[in-house]
């Protein structure tokens, strides 16, 4: 660590925290079932649409045989669960989804 942070800076940042939800999508053995490519395309279309609508703040596909993606969502965990239960890959059994309550700091972003 090269940047030193004071206790006061930590407290100031913590005071700005806002609630978010984190959704973890995991592949199941059904990932390669018949019709999987078309289902995955609809899943991708839906997630990009939810991102455009502001429901997903950060959409992070993961290149892995187990973890499919990480979503930072702007809705409550309960609402995130409802949204993700309607996902085509989740409904087809190709993915499972775990949703967690989280906090982050407005303005945080991935580097360009």
N, C-alpha and C. Protein backbone atom coordinates (compact mmCIF):
# COMPACT_ATOMS: atom_id res chain seq x y z
N UNK A 1 0.85 -1.18 0.00
CA UNK A 1 0.00 0.00 0.00
C UNK A 1 0.89 1.23 0.00
N UNK A 2 0.63 2.10 -0.94
CA UNK A 2 1.41 3.33 -0.97
C UNK A 2 0.62 4.52 -0.48
N UNK A 3 -0.71 4.49 -0.56
CA UNK A 3 -1.53 5.60 -0.10
C UNK A 3 -1.95 5.34 1.34
N UNK A 4 -1.58 6.22 2.21
CA UNK A 4 -1.97 6.11 3.61
C UNK A 4 -3.31 6.81 3.80
N UNK A 5 -4.19 6.19 4.55
CA UNK A 5 -5.53 6.71 4.79
C UNK A 5 -5.72 6.88 6.29
N UNK A 6 -6.30 8.00 6.66
CA UNK A 6 -6.52 8.27 8.09
C UNK A 6 -7.83 7.65 8.55
N UNK A 7 -7.99 7.51 9.84
CA UNK A 7 -9.26 7.03 10.41
C UNK A 7 -10.40 7.95 10.01
N UNK A 8 -10.15 9.25 10.00
CA UNK A 8 -11.19 10.22 9.63
C UNK A 8 -11.62 10.02 8.18
N UNK A 9 -10.69 9.75 7.29
CA UNK A 9 -11.04 9.50 5.89
C UNK A 9 -11.89 8.24 5.75
N UNK A 10 -11.58 7.22 6.52
CA UNK A 10 -12.37 5.99 6.50
C UNK A 10 -13.79 6.28 6.98
N UNK A 11 -13.92 7.02 8.06
CA UNK A 11 -15.24 7.35 8.61
C UNK A 11 -16.04 8.21 7.64
N UNK A 12 -15.39 9.16 6.98
CA UNK A 12 -16.08 10.01 6.00
C UNK A 12 -16.60 9.18 4.83
N UNK A 13 -15.77 8.26 4.34
CA UNK A 13 -16.20 7.41 3.24
C UNK A 13 -17.33 6.49 3.69
N UNK A 14 -17.20 5.88 4.85
CA UNK A 14 -18.23 4.97 5.36
C UNK A 14 -19.58 5.67 5.47
N UNK A 15 -19.57 6.95 5.81
CA UNK A 15 -20.82 7.71 5.96
C UNK A 15 -21.55 7.88 4.63
N UNK A 16 -20.86 7.68 3.51
CA UNK A 16 -21.50 7.85 2.20
C UNK A 16 -22.03 6.54 1.62
N UNK A 17 -21.82 5.43 2.31
CA UNK A 17 -22.22 4.12 1.79
C UNK A 17 -23.71 4.05 1.50
N UNK A 18 -24.05 3.42 0.40
CA UNK A 18 -25.44 3.22 0.00
C UNK A 18 -25.68 1.72 -0.20
N UNK A 19 -26.92 1.28 0.02
CA UNK A 19 -27.20 -0.16 -0.14
C UNK A 19 -27.28 -0.57 -1.61
N UNK A 20 -26.75 -1.73 -1.88
CA UNK A 20 -26.81 -2.37 -3.19
C UNK A 20 -27.03 -3.86 -2.96
N UNK A 21 -27.21 -4.58 -4.03
CA UNK A 21 -27.27 -6.04 -3.96
C UNK A 21 -26.19 -6.59 -4.87
N UNK A 22 -25.62 -7.71 -4.46
CA UNK A 22 -24.65 -8.41 -5.29
C UNK A 22 -25.28 -9.75 -5.67
N UNK A 23 -25.32 -10.02 -6.96
CA UNK A 23 -25.84 -11.30 -7.45
C UNK A 23 -24.68 -12.08 -8.05
N UNK A 24 -24.53 -13.31 -7.60
CA UNK A 24 -23.50 -14.21 -8.13
C UNK A 24 -24.19 -15.29 -8.95
N UNK A 25 -23.86 -15.35 -10.22
CA UNK A 25 -24.43 -16.36 -11.11
C UNK A 25 -23.43 -17.49 -11.29
N UNK A 26 -23.88 -18.70 -11.09
CA UNK A 26 -23.01 -19.88 -11.23
C UNK A 26 -23.59 -20.83 -12.27
N UNK A 27 -22.69 -21.44 -13.02
CA UNK A 27 -23.10 -22.44 -14.01
C UNK A 27 -23.51 -23.74 -13.31
N UNK A 28 -24.43 -24.44 -13.93
CA UNK A 28 -24.81 -25.79 -13.50
C UNK A 28 -24.40 -26.76 -14.61
N UNK A 29 -24.51 -28.05 -14.38
CA UNK A 29 -24.22 -29.02 -15.44
C UNK A 29 -25.11 -28.86 -16.68
N UNK A 30 -26.24 -28.17 -16.53
CA UNK A 30 -27.16 -27.96 -17.66
C UNK A 30 -26.67 -26.87 -18.61
N UNK A 31 -25.50 -26.30 -18.34
CA UNK A 31 -24.95 -25.23 -19.17
C UNK A 31 -24.89 -25.62 -20.64
N UNK A 32 -24.66 -26.86 -20.94
CA UNK A 32 -24.46 -27.32 -22.31
C UNK A 32 -25.66 -28.10 -22.85
N UNK A 33 -26.83 -27.90 -22.28
CA UNK A 33 -28.02 -28.61 -22.74
C UNK A 33 -28.42 -28.15 -24.14
N UNK A 34 -29.27 -28.90 -24.79
CA UNK A 34 -29.77 -28.51 -26.11
C UNK A 34 -30.45 -27.15 -26.00
N UNK A 35 -30.14 -26.27 -26.93
CA UNK A 35 -30.74 -24.93 -26.94
C UNK A 35 -30.06 -23.93 -26.03
N UNK A 36 -28.94 -24.33 -25.41
CA UNK A 36 -28.27 -23.46 -24.44
C UNK A 36 -27.79 -22.15 -25.06
N UNK A 37 -27.29 -22.19 -26.29
CA UNK A 37 -26.78 -20.97 -26.90
C UNK A 37 -27.87 -19.91 -27.05
N UNK A 38 -29.04 -20.32 -27.50
CA UNK A 38 -30.15 -19.38 -27.66
C UNK A 38 -30.61 -18.84 -26.31
N UNK A 39 -30.66 -19.71 -25.31
CA UNK A 39 -31.07 -19.29 -23.97
C UNK A 39 -30.05 -18.30 -23.40
N UNK A 40 -28.77 -18.59 -23.59
CA UNK A 40 -27.74 -17.69 -23.08
C UNK A 40 -27.79 -16.33 -23.78
N UNK A 41 -28.09 -16.30 -25.07
CA UNK A 41 -28.21 -15.03 -25.78
C UNK A 41 -29.36 -14.21 -25.21
N UNK A 42 -30.48 -14.84 -24.90
CA UNK A 42 -31.60 -14.11 -24.28
C UNK A 42 -31.24 -13.62 -22.89
N UNK A 43 -30.49 -14.42 -22.14
CA UNK A 43 -29.98 -14.02 -20.83
C UNK A 43 -29.11 -12.77 -20.98
N UNK A 44 -28.20 -12.78 -21.95
CA UNK A 44 -27.31 -11.64 -22.16
C UNK A 44 -28.11 -10.40 -22.56
N UNK A 45 -29.07 -10.57 -23.46
CA UNK A 45 -29.91 -9.45 -23.90
C UNK A 45 -30.65 -8.84 -22.70
N UNK A 46 -31.17 -9.69 -21.84
CA UNK A 46 -31.91 -9.23 -20.67
C UNK A 46 -31.01 -8.47 -19.70
N UNK A 47 -29.81 -9.01 -19.43
CA UNK A 47 -28.91 -8.33 -18.50
C UNK A 47 -28.44 -6.99 -19.04
N UNK A 48 -28.16 -6.91 -20.33
CA UNK A 48 -27.75 -5.63 -20.92
C UNK A 48 -28.91 -4.63 -20.86
N UNK A 49 -30.12 -5.10 -21.04
CA UNK A 49 -31.30 -4.24 -20.92
C UNK A 49 -31.46 -3.74 -19.48
N UNK A 50 -31.29 -4.64 -18.50
CA UNK A 50 -31.38 -4.23 -17.09
C UNK A 50 -30.28 -3.24 -16.74
N UNK A 51 -29.12 -3.39 -17.34
CA UNK A 51 -28.03 -2.42 -17.15
C UNK A 51 -28.43 -1.06 -17.72
N UNK A 52 -29.00 -1.07 -18.93
CA UNK A 52 -29.44 0.18 -19.57
C UNK A 52 -30.53 0.86 -18.76
N UNK A 53 -31.37 0.06 -18.08
CA UNK A 53 -32.46 0.60 -17.26
C UNK A 53 -31.99 1.04 -15.88
N UNK A 54 -30.72 0.77 -15.52
CA UNK A 54 -30.19 1.18 -14.23
C UNK A 54 -30.42 0.18 -13.11
N UNK A 55 -30.99 -0.96 -13.39
CA UNK A 55 -31.21 -2.00 -12.37
C UNK A 55 -29.88 -2.68 -12.03
N UNK A 56 -29.04 -2.83 -13.04
CA UNK A 56 -27.69 -3.36 -12.85
C UNK A 56 -26.71 -2.19 -13.02
N UNK A 57 -25.94 -1.92 -11.97
CA UNK A 57 -24.95 -0.84 -12.03
C UNK A 57 -23.65 -1.33 -12.66
N UNK A 58 -23.26 -2.54 -12.33
CA UNK A 58 -22.04 -3.13 -12.89
C UNK A 58 -22.36 -4.56 -13.30
N UNK A 59 -22.09 -4.86 -14.55
CA UNK A 59 -22.32 -6.17 -15.14
C UNK A 59 -20.94 -6.76 -15.44
N UNK A 60 -20.64 -7.88 -14.80
CA UNK A 60 -19.28 -8.43 -14.89
C UNK A 60 -19.34 -9.92 -15.22
N UNK A 61 -19.36 -10.27 -16.52
CA UNK A 61 -19.27 -11.68 -16.87
C UNK A 61 -17.93 -12.25 -16.40
N UNK A 62 -17.93 -13.50 -16.00
CA UNK A 62 -16.72 -14.15 -15.51
C UNK A 62 -16.38 -15.32 -16.43
N UNK A 63 -15.12 -15.41 -16.81
CA UNK A 63 -14.66 -16.52 -17.66
C UNK A 63 -14.23 -17.65 -16.73
N UNK A 64 -15.15 -18.59 -16.55
CA UNK A 64 -14.93 -19.68 -15.60
C UNK A 64 -15.88 -20.81 -15.93
N UNK A 65 -15.51 -21.99 -15.54
CA UNK A 65 -16.40 -23.13 -15.71
C UNK A 65 -17.43 -23.23 -14.58
N UNK A 66 -17.25 -22.42 -13.53
CA UNK A 66 -18.15 -22.49 -12.38
C UNK A 66 -18.91 -21.18 -12.16
N UNK A 67 -18.20 -20.08 -12.05
CA UNK A 67 -18.83 -18.77 -11.84
C UNK A 67 -19.12 -18.14 -13.19
N UNK A 68 -20.37 -17.73 -13.41
CA UNK A 68 -20.77 -17.16 -14.70
C UNK A 68 -20.72 -15.65 -14.71
N UNK A 69 -20.99 -15.02 -13.56
CA UNK A 69 -20.99 -13.56 -13.55
C UNK A 69 -21.26 -12.99 -12.18
N UNK A 70 -20.92 -11.70 -12.06
CA UNK A 70 -21.17 -10.94 -10.84
C UNK A 70 -21.92 -9.68 -11.25
N UNK A 71 -23.01 -9.41 -10.56
CA UNK A 71 -23.82 -8.22 -10.85
C UNK A 71 -23.89 -7.36 -9.60
N UNK A 72 -23.67 -6.07 -9.75
CA UNK A 72 -23.95 -5.12 -8.68
C UNK A 72 -25.28 -4.48 -9.08
N UNK A 73 -26.28 -4.68 -8.24
CA UNK A 73 -27.64 -4.24 -8.58
C UNK A 73 -28.08 -3.11 -7.66
N UNK A 74 -28.87 -2.20 -8.22
CA UNK A 74 -29.32 -1.01 -7.48
C UNK A 74 -30.61 -1.22 -6.72
N UNK A 75 -31.12 -2.42 -6.74
CA UNK A 75 -32.38 -2.74 -6.06
C UNK A 75 -32.11 -3.55 -4.80
N UNK A 76 -33.12 -3.68 -3.97
CA UNK A 76 -32.99 -4.45 -2.73
C UNK A 76 -32.71 -5.92 -3.04
N UNK A 77 -32.17 -6.65 -2.08
CA UNK A 77 -31.94 -8.08 -2.30
C UNK A 77 -33.23 -8.82 -2.68
N UNK A 78 -34.33 -8.43 -2.07
CA UNK A 78 -35.61 -9.09 -2.38
C UNK A 78 -36.00 -8.84 -3.84
N UNK A 79 -35.88 -7.58 -4.28
CA UNK A 79 -36.20 -7.25 -5.67
C UNK A 79 -35.21 -7.89 -6.62
N UNK A 80 -33.94 -7.93 -6.24
CA UNK A 80 -32.92 -8.57 -7.08
C UNK A 80 -33.25 -10.05 -7.27
N UNK A 81 -33.68 -10.71 -6.20
CA UNK A 81 -34.05 -12.12 -6.28
C UNK A 81 -35.20 -12.32 -7.28
N UNK A 82 -36.21 -11.45 -7.23
CA UNK A 82 -37.34 -11.55 -8.15
C UNK A 82 -36.86 -11.34 -9.59
N UNK A 83 -36.02 -10.32 -9.80
CA UNK A 83 -35.48 -10.05 -11.14
C UNK A 83 -34.71 -11.26 -11.66
N UNK A 84 -33.85 -11.80 -10.82
CA UNK A 84 -32.99 -12.91 -11.27
C UNK A 84 -33.74 -14.22 -11.40
N UNK A 85 -34.82 -14.40 -10.65
CA UNK A 85 -35.64 -15.61 -10.81
C UNK A 85 -36.27 -15.67 -12.20
N UNK A 86 -36.43 -14.50 -12.87
CA UNK A 86 -37.00 -14.44 -14.21
C UNK A 86 -35.95 -14.56 -15.31
N UNK A 87 -34.69 -14.71 -14.94
CA UNK A 87 -33.62 -14.81 -15.93
C UNK A 87 -33.77 -16.10 -16.74
N UNK A 88 -33.61 -16.03 -18.07
CA UNK A 88 -33.77 -17.24 -18.89
C UNK A 88 -32.84 -18.38 -18.51
N UNK A 89 -31.58 -18.09 -18.19
CA UNK A 89 -30.64 -19.17 -17.83
C UNK A 89 -30.97 -19.76 -16.46
N UNK A 90 -31.45 -18.94 -15.55
CA UNK A 90 -31.86 -19.44 -14.23
C UNK A 90 -33.11 -20.31 -14.39
N UNK A 91 -34.07 -19.83 -15.17
CA UNK A 91 -35.30 -20.60 -15.37
C UNK A 91 -35.02 -21.93 -16.07
N UNK A 92 -34.04 -21.94 -16.99
CA UNK A 92 -33.72 -23.17 -17.72
C UNK A 92 -32.86 -24.12 -16.89
N UNK A 93 -32.42 -23.68 -15.71
CA UNK A 93 -31.57 -24.52 -14.88
C UNK A 93 -30.11 -24.52 -15.29
N UNK A 94 -29.74 -23.60 -16.21
CA UNK A 94 -28.35 -23.50 -16.66
C UNK A 94 -27.48 -22.77 -15.64
N UNK A 95 -28.11 -21.91 -14.84
CA UNK A 95 -27.41 -21.12 -13.84
C UNK A 95 -28.21 -21.12 -12.55
N UNK A 96 -27.49 -20.93 -11.46
CA UNK A 96 -28.12 -20.61 -10.19
C UNK A 96 -27.71 -19.19 -9.84
N UNK A 97 -28.45 -18.58 -8.93
CA UNK A 97 -28.15 -17.21 -8.54
C UNK A 97 -28.26 -17.07 -7.03
N UNK A 98 -27.21 -16.51 -6.45
CA UNK A 98 -27.22 -16.15 -5.04
C UNK A 98 -27.21 -14.63 -4.95
N UNK A 99 -28.04 -14.07 -4.07
CA UNK A 99 -28.13 -12.62 -3.92
C UNK A 99 -27.75 -12.25 -2.49
N UNK A 100 -26.93 -11.22 -2.38
CA UNK A 100 -26.44 -10.75 -1.08
C UNK A 100 -26.69 -9.26 -0.93
N UNK A 101 -26.98 -8.84 0.28
CA UNK A 101 -27.07 -7.42 0.61
C UNK A 101 -25.65 -6.88 0.72
N UNK A 102 -25.41 -5.70 0.16
CA UNK A 102 -24.08 -5.11 0.17
C UNK A 102 -24.19 -3.60 0.28
N UNK A 103 -23.06 -2.96 0.43
CA UNK A 103 -22.98 -1.51 0.43
C UNK A 103 -21.80 -1.11 -0.42
N UNK A 104 -21.92 0.05 -1.04
CA UNK A 104 -20.80 0.61 -1.79
C UNK A 104 -20.93 2.12 -1.76
N UNK A 105 -20.05 2.77 -2.49
CA UNK A 105 -19.93 4.21 -2.39
C UNK A 105 -20.27 4.86 -3.73
N UNK A 106 -21.29 5.73 -3.73
CA UNK A 106 -21.68 6.41 -4.97
C UNK A 106 -20.47 7.06 -5.62
N UNK A 107 -20.38 6.85 -6.94
CA UNK A 107 -19.26 7.38 -7.69
C UNK A 107 -18.18 6.36 -7.95
N UNK A 108 -18.14 5.27 -7.17
CA UNK A 108 -17.17 4.22 -7.46
C UNK A 108 -17.47 3.68 -8.86
N UNK A 109 -16.44 3.39 -9.61
CA UNK A 109 -16.63 2.91 -10.97
C UNK A 109 -15.40 2.12 -11.39
N UNK A 110 -15.58 1.31 -12.40
CA UNK A 110 -14.46 0.63 -13.00
C UNK A 110 -13.63 1.64 -13.79
N UNK A 111 -12.33 1.48 -13.84
CA UNK A 111 -11.54 2.41 -14.65
C UNK A 111 -11.86 2.25 -16.13
N UNK A 112 -11.77 3.35 -16.85
CA UNK A 112 -12.06 3.33 -18.29
C UNK A 112 -10.97 2.59 -19.04
